[in-house]
Each structure stands twice: as structure tokens, then as C-alpha cells.
Amino acid sequence: MNRQIKIKNTVDKINRLPDAKLSEVEDFVDFLLSKIDDSILTEGIQKLTSDSKTFEYLKDEEDLYSVNDLKEKYK
């Protein structure tokens, strides 16, 4: 089933709903869109920070601590 058919079927179903249920559908659509927006924003921030050269100098720095320096190991 392609996108246009799914949209048409969904709109047909929404048109059959009583007015009282339309606000619930609208709220749910707003929720779904906000999840998409949050995901896009999160991916953008991750890409921005991974592409950033701000902390690149740390790659050349030697490690100060190792696993042997731990006093206790947690599982």
C-alpha cells in the first residue's frame, strides 16, 4: 500500500469519527510529530559534536589512568 492510499484511508476514517474524538487524534499526531522533531534534533546534535574538532587534542594525550588503578570493580 503506498503513501497516498494510506493517507486517504486515514482521512476517511478520521472523517467518520465524532467531533469529540478529533482532538484526541490531533493530540496524537502532535505527539508523533514532536517525537520526530526530537529525533531529528538529537541526531543533528550528535553529528555536530562528532564532526567537531574541539576535543581532538585529547586523542594525542596519554591515558592517566587504567583499569589497574581501580580500587573496586562494579558489575
Protein backbone atom coordinates (compact mmCIF):
# COMPACT_ATOMS: atom_id res chain seq x y z
CA MET A 1 0.00 0.00 0.00
CA ASN A 2 1.55 3.29 -0.99
CA ARG A 3 1.62 6.52 0.96
CA GLN A 4 -1.25 8.26 -0.84
CA ILE A 5 -3.61 5.33 -0.28
CA LYS A 6 -2.70 5.17 3.42
CA ILE A 7 -3.30 8.91 3.77
CA LYS A 8 -6.66 8.65 2.01
CA ASN A 9 -7.73 5.69 4.18
CA THR A 10 -6.68 7.53 7.33
CA VAL A 11 -8.53 10.71 6.34
CA ASP A 12 -11.64 8.66 5.53
CA LYS A 13 -11.51 7.08 8.97
CA ILE A 14 -10.95 10.45 10.66
CA ASN A 15 -13.97 11.87 8.81
CA ARG A 16 -16.12 9.12 10.36
CA LEU A 17 -15.08 9.99 13.92
CA PRO A 18 -17.35 12.05 16.18
CA ASP A 19 -16.17 15.59 16.90
CA ALA A 20 -15.25 14.68 20.48
CA LYS A 21 -12.57 12.24 19.24
CA LEU A 22 -10.94 14.65 16.77
CA SER A 23 -8.98 16.43 19.49
CA GLU A 24 -7.54 13.07 20.62
CA VAL A 25 -6.41 12.32 17.08
CA GLU A 26 -4.89 15.79 16.78
CA ASP A 27 -3.07 15.36 20.11
CA PHE A 28 -1.69 12.01 19.00
CA VAL A 29 -0.49 13.43 15.68
CA ASP A 30 1.18 16.31 17.56
CA PHE A 31 2.86 13.75 19.83
CA LEU A 32 4.18 11.75 16.86
CA LEU A 33 5.48 14.88 15.16
CA SER A 34 7.23 16.04 18.33
CA LYS A 35 8.97 12.64 18.60
CA ILE A 36 10.19 13.03 15.02
CA ASP A 37 11.36 16.59 15.71
CA ASP A 38 13.18 15.43 18.87
CA SER A 39 14.84 12.62 16.96
CA ILE A 40 16.00 14.97 14.19
CA LEU A 41 17.33 17.42 16.77
CA THR A 42 19.16 14.69 18.69
CA GLU A 43 20.73 13.28 15.52
CA GLY A 44 21.79 16.78 14.48
CA ILE A 45 23.44 17.44 17.83
CA GLN A 46 25.23 14.07 17.71
CA LYS A 47 26.52 14.77 14.22
CA LEU A 48 27.61 18.26 15.16
CA THR A 49 29.55 17.06 18.17
CA SER A 50 31.11 14.09 16.38
CA ASP A 51 32.24 16.32 13.49
CA SER A 52 33.58 18.92 15.90
CA LYS A 53 37.32 19.16 16.35
CA THR A 54 37.01 20.78 19.78
CA PHE A 55 38.34 17.80 21.75
CA GLU A 56 40.65 16.43 19.08
CA TYR A 57 43.69 17.37 21.16
CA LEU A 58 42.68 14.67 23.67
CA LYS A 59 43.44 11.91 21.16
CA ASP A 60 47.15 12.63 21.40
CA GLU A 61 47.17 12.84 25.18
CA GLU A 62 48.33 9.77 27.07
CA ASP A 63 45.91 7.99 29.37
CA LEU A 64 46.34 8.99 33.01
CA TYR A 65 44.51 6.03 34.48
CA SER A 66 43.96 2.40 33.60
CA VAL A 67 41.80 -0.44 34.87
CA ASN A 68 44.61 -1.38 37.24
CA ASP A 69 44.13 1.92 39.08
CA LEU A 70 40.64 0.96 40.22
CA LYS A 71 40.19 0.15 43.87
CA GLU A 72 36.84 -1.60 43.36
CA LYS A 73 35.27 -3.08 40.26
CA TYR A 74 31.50 -2.92 39.88
CA LYS A 75 29.48 -5.41 37.88
